[in-house]
Amino acid sequence: MIRLNHANVIGTLIGSCLLMVGLFVDSVNVDVFSTWVTKDLLLKLSTSCVIVMDNAAFHKRLDIQKAIEDAGHILEFLPPCKKKS
């Protein structure tokens, strides 16, 4: 049994099917996320996918956006969350 004090999960859905899950036993920073996108996600996607991400600052790094577009995919961001008053 693995004991996790801190873990992050990144998942990919295509329609209602779970394509992949990445479990990280540490914080996911921009470099970890960029590596996951370029070395894992993009290699498993078919052509011309629309990739939707939330508005985390590291999702918007230009090299990540360029890698997605260069692989033939479209990147869209969810609308910003509205704070409840």
PDB file of N, CA and C in Angstrom:
ATOM      1  N   MET A   1       0.830  -1.176   0.000  1.00  0.00           N
ATOM      2  CA  MET A   1       0.000   0.000   0.000  1.00  0.00           C
ATOM      3  C   MET A   1       0.879   1.246   0.000  1.00  0.00           C
ATOM      4  N   ILE A   2       0.554   2.183  -0.876  1.00  0.00           N
ATOM      5  CA  ILE A   2       1.293   3.440  -0.957  1.00  0.00           C
ATOM      6  C   ILE A   2       0.587   4.475  -0.092  1.00  0.00           C
ATOM      7  N   ARG A   3       1.342   5.127   0.769  1.00  0.00           N
ATOM      8  CA  ARG A   3       0.788   6.219   1.579  1.00  0.00           C
ATOM      9  C   ARG A   3       1.088   7.521   0.890  1.00  0.00           C
ATOM     10  N   LEU A   4       0.058   8.296   0.645  1.00  0.00           N
ATOM     11  CA  LEU A   4       0.220   9.580  -0.020  1.00  0.00           C
ATOM     12  C   LEU A   4      -0.119  10.708   0.939  1.00  0.00           C
ATOM     13  N   ASN A   5       0.836  11.580   1.165  1.00  0.00           N
ATOM     14  CA  ASN A   5       0.557  12.772   1.959  1.00  0.00           C
ATOM     15  C   ASN A   5      -0.034  13.863   1.080  1.00  0.00           C
ATOM     16  N   HIS A   6       0.369  13.868  -0.151  1.00  0.00           N
ATOM     17  CA  HIS A   6      -0.083  14.895  -1.082  1.00  0.00           C
ATOM     18  C   HIS A   6      -0.062  14.275  -2.481  1.00  0.00           C
ATOM     19  N   ALA A   7      -1.188  14.332  -3.150  1.00  0.00           N
ATOM     20  CA  ALA A   7      -1.241  13.770  -4.499  1.00  0.00           C
ATOM     21  C   ALA A   7      -2.119  14.645  -5.377  1.00  0.00           C
ATOM     22  N   ASN A   8      -1.789  14.695  -6.636  1.00  0.00           N
ATOM     23  CA  ASN A   8      -2.586  15.397  -7.635  1.00  0.00           C
ATOM     24  C   ASN A   8      -2.901  14.431  -8.767  1.00  0.00           C
ATOM     25  N   VAL A   9      -4.074  14.597  -9.334  1.00  0.00           N
ATOM     26  CA  VAL A   9      -4.501  13.750 -10.441  1.00  0.00           C
ATOM     27  C   VAL A   9      -4.852  14.639 -11.619  1.00  0.00           C
ATOM     28  N   ILE A  10      -4.360  14.267 -12.786  1.00  0.00           N
ATOM     29  CA  ILE A  10      -4.727  14.927 -14.035  1.00  0.00           C
ATOM     30  C   ILE A  10      -5.395  13.866 -14.890  1.00  0.00           C
ATOM     31  N   GLY A  11      -6.580  14.161 -15.384  1.00  0.00           N
ATOM     32  CA  GLY A  11      -7.301  13.187 -16.188  1.00  0.00           C
ATOM     33  C   GLY A  11      -7.680  13.745 -17.541  1.00  0.00           C
ATOM     34  N   THR A  12      -7.950  12.839 -18.457  1.00  0.00           N
ATOM     35  CA  THR A  12      -8.361  13.208 -19.805  1.00  0.00           C
ATOM     36  C   THR A  12      -9.609  12.422 -20.173  1.00  0.00           C
ATOM     37  N   LEU A  13     -10.643  13.145 -20.525  1.00  0.00           N
ATOM     38  CA  LEU A  13     -11.883  12.539 -20.999  1.00  0.00           C
ATOM     39  C   LEU A  13     -12.029  12.796 -22.487  1.00  0.00           C
ATOM     40  N   ILE A  14     -12.490  11.799 -23.196  1.00  0.00           N
ATOM     41  CA  ILE A  14     -12.916  11.977 -24.585  1.00  0.00           C
ATOM     42  C   ILE A  14     -14.353  11.492 -24.614  1.00  0.00           C
ATOM     43  N   GLY A  15     -15.277  12.445 -24.760  1.00  0.00           N
ATOM     44  CA  GLY A  15     -16.688  12.125 -24.607  1.00  0.00           C
ATOM     45  C   GLY A  15     -16.909  11.727 -23.165  1.00  0.00           C
ATOM     46  N   SER A  16     -17.455  10.556 -22.958  1.00  0.00           N
ATOM     47  CA  SER A  16     -17.655  10.076 -21.590  1.00  0.00           C
ATOM     48  C   SER A  16     -16.642   8.998 -21.213  1.00  0.00           C
ATOM     49  N   CYS A  17     -15.622   8.800 -22.039  1.00  0.00           N
ATOM     50  CA  CYS A  17     -14.603   7.778 -21.774  1.00  0.00           C
ATOM     51  C   CYS A  17     -13.356   8.409 -21.164  1.00  0.00           C
ATOM     52  N   LEU A  18     -12.860   7.787 -20.113  1.00  0.00           N
ATOM     53  CA  LEU A  18     -11.627   8.228 -19.491  1.00  0.00           C
ATOM     54  C   LEU A  18     -10.464   7.670 -20.304  1.00  0.00           C
ATOM     55  N   LEU A  19      -9.712   8.553 -20.937  1.00  0.00           N
ATOM     56  CA  LEU A  19      -8.582   8.137 -21.773  1.00  0.00           C
ATOM     57  C   LEU A  19      -7.356   7.830 -20.929  1.00  0.00           C
ATOM     58  N   MET A  20      -7.069   8.696 -19.982  1.00  0.00           N
ATOM     59  CA  MET A  20      -5.863   8.509 -19.183  1.00  0.00           C
ATOM     60  C   MET A  20      -5.964   9.272 -17.871  1.00  0.00           C
ATOM     61  N   VAL A  21      -5.200   8.820 -16.911  1.00  0.00           N
ATOM     62  CA  VAL A  21      -5.104   9.482 -15.616  1.00  0.00           C
ATOM     63  C   VAL A  21      -3.629   9.526 -15.234  1.00  0.00           C
ATOM     64  N   GLY A  22      -3.185  10.689 -14.807  1.00  0.00           N
ATOM     65  CA  GLY A  22      -1.825  10.826 -14.299  1.00  0.00           C
ATOM     66  C   GLY A  22      -1.895  11.098 -12.802  1.00  0.00           C
ATOM     67  N   LEU A  23      -1.201  10.307 -12.006  1.00  0.00           N
ATOM     68  CA  LEU A  23      -1.151  10.494 -10.560  1.00  0.00           C
ATOM     69  C   LEU A  23       0.236  11.016 -10.212  1.00  0.00           C
ATOM     70  N   PHE A  24       0.275  12.156  -9.549  1.00  0.00           N
ATOM     71  CA  PHE A  24       1.534  12.785  -9.181  1.00  0.00           C
ATOM     72  C   PHE A  24       1.591  12.884  -7.664  1.00  0.00           C
ATOM     73  N   VAL A  25       2.635  12.322  -7.060  1.00  0.00           N
ATOM     74  CA  VAL A  25       2.759  12.266  -5.615  1.00  0.00           C
ATOM     75  C   VAL A  25       3.478  13.516  -5.104  1.00  0.00           C
ATOM     76  N   ASP A  26       3.301  14.592  -5.773  1.00  0.00           N
ATOM     77  CA  ASP A  26       3.888  15.864  -5.384  1.00  0.00           C
ATOM     78  C   ASP A  26       3.058  16.953  -6.039  1.00  0.00           C
ATOM     79  N   SER A  27       3.449  18.160  -5.866  1.00  0.00           N
ATOM     80  CA  SER A  27       2.722  19.264  -6.490  1.00  0.00           C
ATOM     81  C   SER A  27       2.902  19.236  -8.000  1.00  0.00           C
ATOM     82  N   VAL A  28       1.876  19.641  -8.698  1.00  0.00           N
ATOM     83  CA  VAL A  28       1.962  19.778 -10.149  1.00  0.00           C
ATOM     84  C   VAL A  28       2.229  21.244 -10.432  1.00  0.00           C
ATOM     85  N   ASN A  29       3.426  21.518 -10.930  1.00  0.00           N
ATOM     86  CA  ASN A  29       3.768  22.889 -11.304  1.00  0.00           C
ATOM     87  C   ASN A  29       3.767  22.982 -12.826  1.00  0.00           C
ATOM     88  N   VAL A  30       4.139  24.127 -13.344  1.00  0.00           N
ATOM     89  CA  VAL A  30       4.072  24.338 -14.784  1.00  0.00           C
ATOM     90  C   VAL A  30       4.990  23.379 -15.551  1.00  0.00           C
ATOM     91  N   ASP A  31       6.143  23.066 -15.005  1.00  0.00           N
ATOM     92  CA  ASP A  31       7.065  22.164 -15.706  1.00  0.00           C
ATOM     93  C   ASP A  31       6.537  20.731 -15.738  1.00  0.00           C
ATOM     94  N   VAL A  32       5.963  20.279 -14.633  1.00  0.00           N
ATOM     95  CA  VAL A  32       5.352  18.941 -14.598  1.00  0.00           C
ATOM     96  C   VAL A  32       4.198  18.877 -15.582  1.00  0.00           C
ATOM     97  N   PHE A  33       3.346  19.897 -15.570  1.00  0.00           N
ATOM     98  CA  PHE A  33       2.190  19.916 -16.463  1.00  0.00           C
ATOM     99  C   PHE A  33       2.631  19.958 -17.926  1.00  0.00           C
ATOM    100  N   SER A  34       3.609  20.787 -18.245  1.00  0.00           N
ATOM    101  CA  SER A  34       4.112  20.878 -19.617  1.00  0.00           C
ATOM    102  C   SER A  34       4.659  19.537 -20.094  1.00  0.00           C
ATOM    103  N   THR A  35       5.408  18.868 -19.258  1.00  0.00           N
ATOM    104  CA  THR A  35       5.950  17.550 -19.616  1.00  0.00           C
ATOM    105  C   THR A  35       4.827  16.552 -19.823  1.00  0.00           C
ATOM    106  N   TRP A  36       3.822  16.574 -18.960  1.00  0.00           N
ATOM    107  CA  TRP A  36       2.685  15.662 -19.100  1.00  0.00           C
ATOM    108  C   TRP A  36       1.955  15.904 -20.428  1.00  0.00           C
ATOM    109  N   VAL A  37       1.746  17.169 -20.769  1.00  0.00           N
ATOM    110  CA  VAL A  37       1.061  17.490 -22.026  1.00  0.00           C
ATOM    111  C   VAL A  37       1.870  16.995 -23.216  1.00  0.00           C
ATOM    112  N   THR A  38       3.160  17.343 -23.257  1.00  0.00           N
ATOM    113  CA  THR A  38       3.964  17.052 -24.453  1.00  0.00           C
ATOM    114  C   THR A  38       4.429  15.604 -24.547  1.00  0.00           C
ATOM    115  N   LYS A  39       4.680  14.953 -23.427  1.00  0.00           N
ATOM    116  CA  LYS A  39       5.238  13.596 -23.451  1.00  0.00           C
ATOM    117  C   LYS A  39       4.200  12.502 -23.223  1.00  0.00           C
ATOM    118  N   ASP A  40       2.977  12.893 -22.853  1.00  0.00           N
ATOM    119  CA  ASP A  40       1.966  11.879 -22.559  1.00  0.00           C
ATOM    120  C   ASP A  40       0.669  12.186 -23.313  1.00  0.00           C
ATOM    121  N   LEU A  41       0.029  13.280 -22.976  1.00  0.00           N
ATOM    122  CA  LEU A  41      -1.280  13.604 -23.562  1.00  0.00           C
ATOM    123  C   LEU A  41      -1.244  13.677 -25.089  1.00  0.00           C
ATOM    124  N   LEU A  42      -0.367  14.492 -25.636  1.00  0.00           N
ATOM    125  CA  LEU A  42      -0.371  14.706 -27.090  1.00  0.00           C
ATOM    126  C   LEU A  42      -0.032  13.437 -27.871  1.00  0.00           C
ATOM    127  N   LEU A  43       0.712  12.547 -27.265  1.00  0.00           N
ATOM    128  CA  LEU A  43       1.060  11.291 -27.943  1.00  0.00           C
ATOM    129  C   LEU A  43      -0.110  10.317 -28.003  1.00  0.00           C
ATOM    130  N   LYS A  44      -1.126  10.516 -27.148  1.00  0.00           N
ATOM    131  CA  LYS A  44      -2.243   9.582 -27.080  1.00  0.00           C
ATOM    132  C   LYS A  44      -3.507  10.088 -27.765  1.00  0.00           C
ATOM    133  N   LEU A  45      -3.521  11.337 -28.163  1.00  0.00           N
ATOM    134  CA  LEU A  45      -4.719  11.892 -28.790  1.00  0.00           C
ATOM    135  C   LEU A  45      -4.745  11.603 -30.280  1.00  0.00           C
ATOM    136  N   SER A  46      -5.939  11.407 -30.798  1.00  0.00           N
ATOM    137  CA  SER A  46      -6.075  11.321 -32.243  1.00  0.00           C
ATOM    138  C   SER A  46      -5.980  12.745 -32.785  1.00  0.00           C
ATOM    139  N   THR A  47      -6.065  12.882 -34.076  1.00  0.00           N
ATOM    140  CA  THR A  47      -5.892  14.202 -34.672  1.00  0.00           C
ATOM    141  C   THR A  47      -7.112  15.087 -34.455  1.00  0.00           C
ATOM    142  N   SER A  48      -6.866  16.368 -34.468  1.00  0.00           N
ATOM    143  CA  SER A  48      -7.906  17.406 -34.421  1.00  0.00           C
ATOM    144  C   SER A  48      -8.852  17.306 -33.228  1.00  0.00           C
ATOM    145  N   CYS A  49      -8.303  17.209 -32.047  1.00  0.00           N
ATOM    146  CA  CYS A  49      -9.116  17.220 -30.830  1.00  0.00           C
ATOM    147  C   CYS A  49      -9.265  18.655 -30.333  1.00  0.00           C
ATOM    148  N   VAL A  50     -10.339  18.900 -29.624  1.00  0.00           N
ATOM    149  CA  VAL A  50     -10.504  20.164 -28.907  1.00  0.00           C
ATOM    150  C   VAL A  50     -10.159  19.874 -27.456  1.00  0.00           C
ATOM    151  N   ILE A  51      -9.156  20.569 -26.945  1.00  0.00           N
ATOM    152  CA  ILE A  51      -8.703  20.394 -25.576  1.00  0.00           C
ATOM    153  C   ILE A  51      -9.249  21.555 -24.759  1.00  0.00           C
ATOM    154  N   VAL A  52      -9.963  21.240 -23.689  1.00  0.00           N
ATOM    155  CA  VAL A  52     -10.563  22.266 -22.836  1.00  0.00           C
ATOM    156  C   VAL A  52      -9.868  22.216 -21.479  1.00  0.00           C
ATOM    157  N   MET A  53      -9.385  23.381 -21.047  1.00  0.00           N
ATOM    158  CA  MET A  53      -8.709  23.474 -19.752  1.00  0.00           C
ATOM    159  C   MET A  53      -9.357  24.576 -18.927  1.00  0.00           C
ATOM    160  N   ASP A  54      -9.163  24.473 -17.614  1.00  0.00           N
ATOM    161  CA  ASP A  54      -9.621  25.565 -16.761  1.00  0.00           C
ATOM    162  C   ASP A  54      -8.613  26.707 -16.845  1.00  0.00           C
ATOM    163  N   ASN A  55      -8.791  27.699 -16.026  1.00  0.00           N
ATOM    164  CA  ASN A  55      -7.988  28.913 -16.137  1.00  0.00           C
ATOM    165  C   ASN A  55      -6.797  28.969 -15.191  1.00  0.00           C
ATOM    166  N   ALA A  56      -6.279  27.821 -14.795  1.00  0.00           N
ATOM    167  CA  ALA A  56      -5.054  27.824 -13.993  1.00  0.00           C
ATOM    168  C   ALA A  56      -3.962  28.539 -14.784  1.00  0.00           C
ATOM    169  N   ALA A  57      -3.204  29.370 -14.101  1.00  0.00           N
ATOM    170  CA  ALA A  57      -2.202  30.193 -14.788  1.00  0.00           C
ATOM    171  C   ALA A  57      -1.238  29.361 -15.621  1.00  0.00           C
ATOM    172  N   PHE A  58      -0.820  28.196 -15.106  1.00  0.00           N
ATOM    173  CA  PHE A  58       0.168  27.417 -15.859  1.00  0.00           C
ATOM    174  C   PHE A  58      -0.419  26.736 -17.080  1.00  0.00           C
ATOM    175  N   HIS A  59      -1.733  26.621 -17.183  1.00  0.00           N
ATOM    176  CA  HIS A  59      -2.338  26.095 -18.404  1.00  0.00           C
ATOM    177  C   HIS A  59      -2.147  27.055 -19.569  1.00  0.00           C
ATOM    178  N   LYS A  60      -1.924  28.318 -19.258  1.00  0.00           N
ATOM    179  CA  LYS A  60      -1.862  29.341 -20.298  1.00  0.00           C
ATOM    180  C   LYS A  60      -0.444  29.668 -20.739  1.00  0.00           C
ATOM    181  N   ARG A  61       0.541  28.895 -20.291  1.00  0.00           N
ATOM    182  CA  ARG A  61       1.910  29.166 -20.715  1.00  0.00           C
ATOM    183  C   ARG A  61       2.006  28.975 -22.225  1.00  0.00           C
ATOM    184  N   LEU A  62       2.671  29.894 -22.882  1.00  0.00           N
ATOM    185  CA  LEU A  62       2.691  29.925 -24.348  1.00  0.00           C
ATOM    186  C   LEU A  62       3.288  28.680 -24.986  1.00  0.00           C
ATOM    187  N   ASP A  63       4.327  28.089 -24.388  1.00  0.00           N
ATOM    188  CA  ASP A  63       4.919  26.899 -25.007  1.00  0.00           C
ATOM    189  C   ASP A  63       3.971  25.707 -24.951  1.00  0.00           C
ATOM    190  N   ILE A  64       3.133  25.647 -23.915  1.00  0.00           N
ATOM    191  CA  ILE A  64       2.133  24.576 -23.834  1.00  0.00           C
ATOM    192  C   ILE A  64       1.075  24.798 -24.913  1.00  0.00           C
ATOM    193  N   GLN A  65       0.600  26.023 -25.038  1.00  0.00           N
ATOM    194  CA  GLN A  65      -0.393  26.333 -26.069  1.00  0.00           C
ATOM    195  C   GLN A  65       0.150  26.034 -27.461  1.00  0.00           C
ATOM    196  N   LYS A  66       1.407  26.416 -27.706  1.00  0.00           N
ATOM    197  CA  LYS A  66       2.017  26.188 -29.023  1.00  0.00           C
ATOM    198  C   LYS A  66       2.163  24.690 -29.313  1.00  0.00           C
ATOM    199  N   ALA A  67       2.572  23.911 -28.316  1.00  0.00           N
ATOM    200  CA  ALA A  67       2.723  22.460 -28.514  1.00  0.00           C
ATOM    201  C   ALA A  67       1.386  21.830 -28.893  1.00  0.00           C
ATOM    202  N   ILE A  68       0.312  22.266 -28.239  1.00  0.00           N
ATOM    203  CA  ILE A  68      -1.016  21.736 -28.540  1.00  0.00           C
ATOM    204  C   ILE A  68      -1.429  22.110 -29.950  1.00  0.00           C
ATOM    205  N   GLU A  69      -1.245  23.368 -30.315  1.00  0.00           N
ATOM    206  CA  GLU A  69      -1.619  23.828 -31.659  1.00  0.00           C
ATOM    207  C   GLU A  69      -0.746  23.189 -32.729  1.00  0.00           C
ATOM    208  N   ASP A  70       0.559  23.062 -32.467  1.00  0.00           N
ATOM    209  CA  ASP A  70       1.472  22.438 -33.440  1.00  0.00           C
ATOM    210  C   ASP A  70       1.129  20.971 -33.671  1.00  0.00           C
ATOM    211  N   ALA A  71       0.513  20.327 -32.680  1.00  0.00           N
ATOM    212  CA  ALA A  71       0.106  18.924 -32.827  1.00  0.00           C
ATOM    213  C   ALA A  71      -1.232  18.798 -33.556  1.00  0.00           C
ATOM    214  N   GLY A  72      -1.817  19.949 -33.954  1.00  0.00           N
ATOM    215  CA  GLY A  72      -3.046  19.915 -34.742  1.00  0.00           C
ATOM    216  C   GLY A  72      -4.328  19.979 -33.938  1.00  0.00           C
ATOM    217  N   HIS A  73      -4.226  20.366 -32.677  1.00  0.00           N
ATOM    218  CA  HIS A  73      -5.399  20.422 -31.815  1.00  0.00           C
ATOM    219  C   HIS A  73      -5.821  21.870 -31.574  1.00  0.00           C
ATOM    220  N   ILE A  74      -7.029  22.022 -31.076  1.00  0.00           N
ATOM    221  CA  ILE A  74      -7.560  23.335 -30.728  1.00  0.00           C
ATOM    222  C   ILE A  74      -7.632  23.416 -29.214  1.00  0.00           C
ATOM    223  N   LEU A  75      -7.154  24.522 -28.655  1.00  0.00           N
ATOM    224  CA  LEU A  75      -7.176  24.714 -27.208  1.00  0.00           C
ATOM    225  C   LEU A  75      -8.228  25.760 -26.864  1.00  0.00           C
ATOM    226  N   GLU A  76      -9.115  25.405 -25.960  1.00  0.00           N
ATOM    227  CA  GLU A  76     -10.150  26.316 -25.452  1.00  0.00           C
ATOM    228  C   GLU A  76     -10.042  26.351 -23.932  1.00  0.00           C
ATOM    229  N   PHE A  77     -10.402  27.483 -23.365  1.00  0.00           N
ATOM    230  CA  PHE A  77     -10.411  27.629 -21.910  1.00  0.00           C
ATOM    231  C   PHE A  77     -11.834  27.816 -21.427  1.00  0.00           C
ATOM    232  N   LEU A  78     -12.122  27.253 -20.265  1.00  0.00           N
ATOM    233  CA  LEU A  78     -13.421  27.467 -19.650  1.00  0.00           C
ATOM    234  C   LEU A  78     -13.574  28.945 -19.308  1.00  0.00           C
ATOM    235  N   PRO A  79     -14.811  29.430 -19.250  1.00  0.00           N
ATOM    236  CA  PRO A  79     -14.977  30.818 -18.826  1.00  0.00           C
ATOM    237  C   PRO A  79     -14.526  30.961 -17.373  1.00  0.00           C
ATOM    238  N   PRO A  80     -14.063  32.153 -17.005  1.00  0.00           N
ATOM    239  CA  PRO A  80     -13.623  32.355 -15.617  1.00  0.00           C
ATOM    240  C   PRO A  80     -14.773  32.103 -14.643  1.00  0.00           C
ATOM    241  N   CYS A  81     -14.425  31.573 -13.478  1.00  0.00           N
ATOM    242  CA  CYS A  81     -15.431  31.341 -12.442  1.00  0.00           C
ATOM    243  C   CYS A  81     -15.872  32.681 -11.865  1.00  0.00           C
ATOM    244  N   LYS A  82     -17.166  32.801 -11.639  1.00  0.00           N
ATOM    245  CA  LYS A  82     -17.678  34.015 -10.997  1.00  0.00           C
ATOM    246  C   LYS A  82     -17.728  33.768  -9.501  1.00  0.00           C
ATOM    247  N   LYS A  83     -17.192  34.723  -8.758  1.00  0.00           N
ATOM    248  CA  LYS A  83     -17.205  34.596  -7.303  1.00  0.00           C
ATOM    249  C   LYS A  83     -18.596  34.859  -6.770  1.00  0.00           C
ATOM    250  N   LYS A  84     -18.989  34.047  -5.806  1.00  0.00           N
ATOM    251  CA  LYS A  84     -20.298  34.245  -5.178  1.00  0.00           C
ATOM    252  C   LYS A  84     -20.223  35.441  -4.253  1.00  0.00           C
ATOM    253  N   SER A  85     -21.287  36.265  -4.284  1.00  0.00           N
ATOM    254  CA  SER A  85     -21.273  37.429  -3.404  1.00  0.00           C
ATOM    255  C   SER A  85     -21.854  37.116  -2.059  1.00  0.00           C
TER     256      SER A  85
END
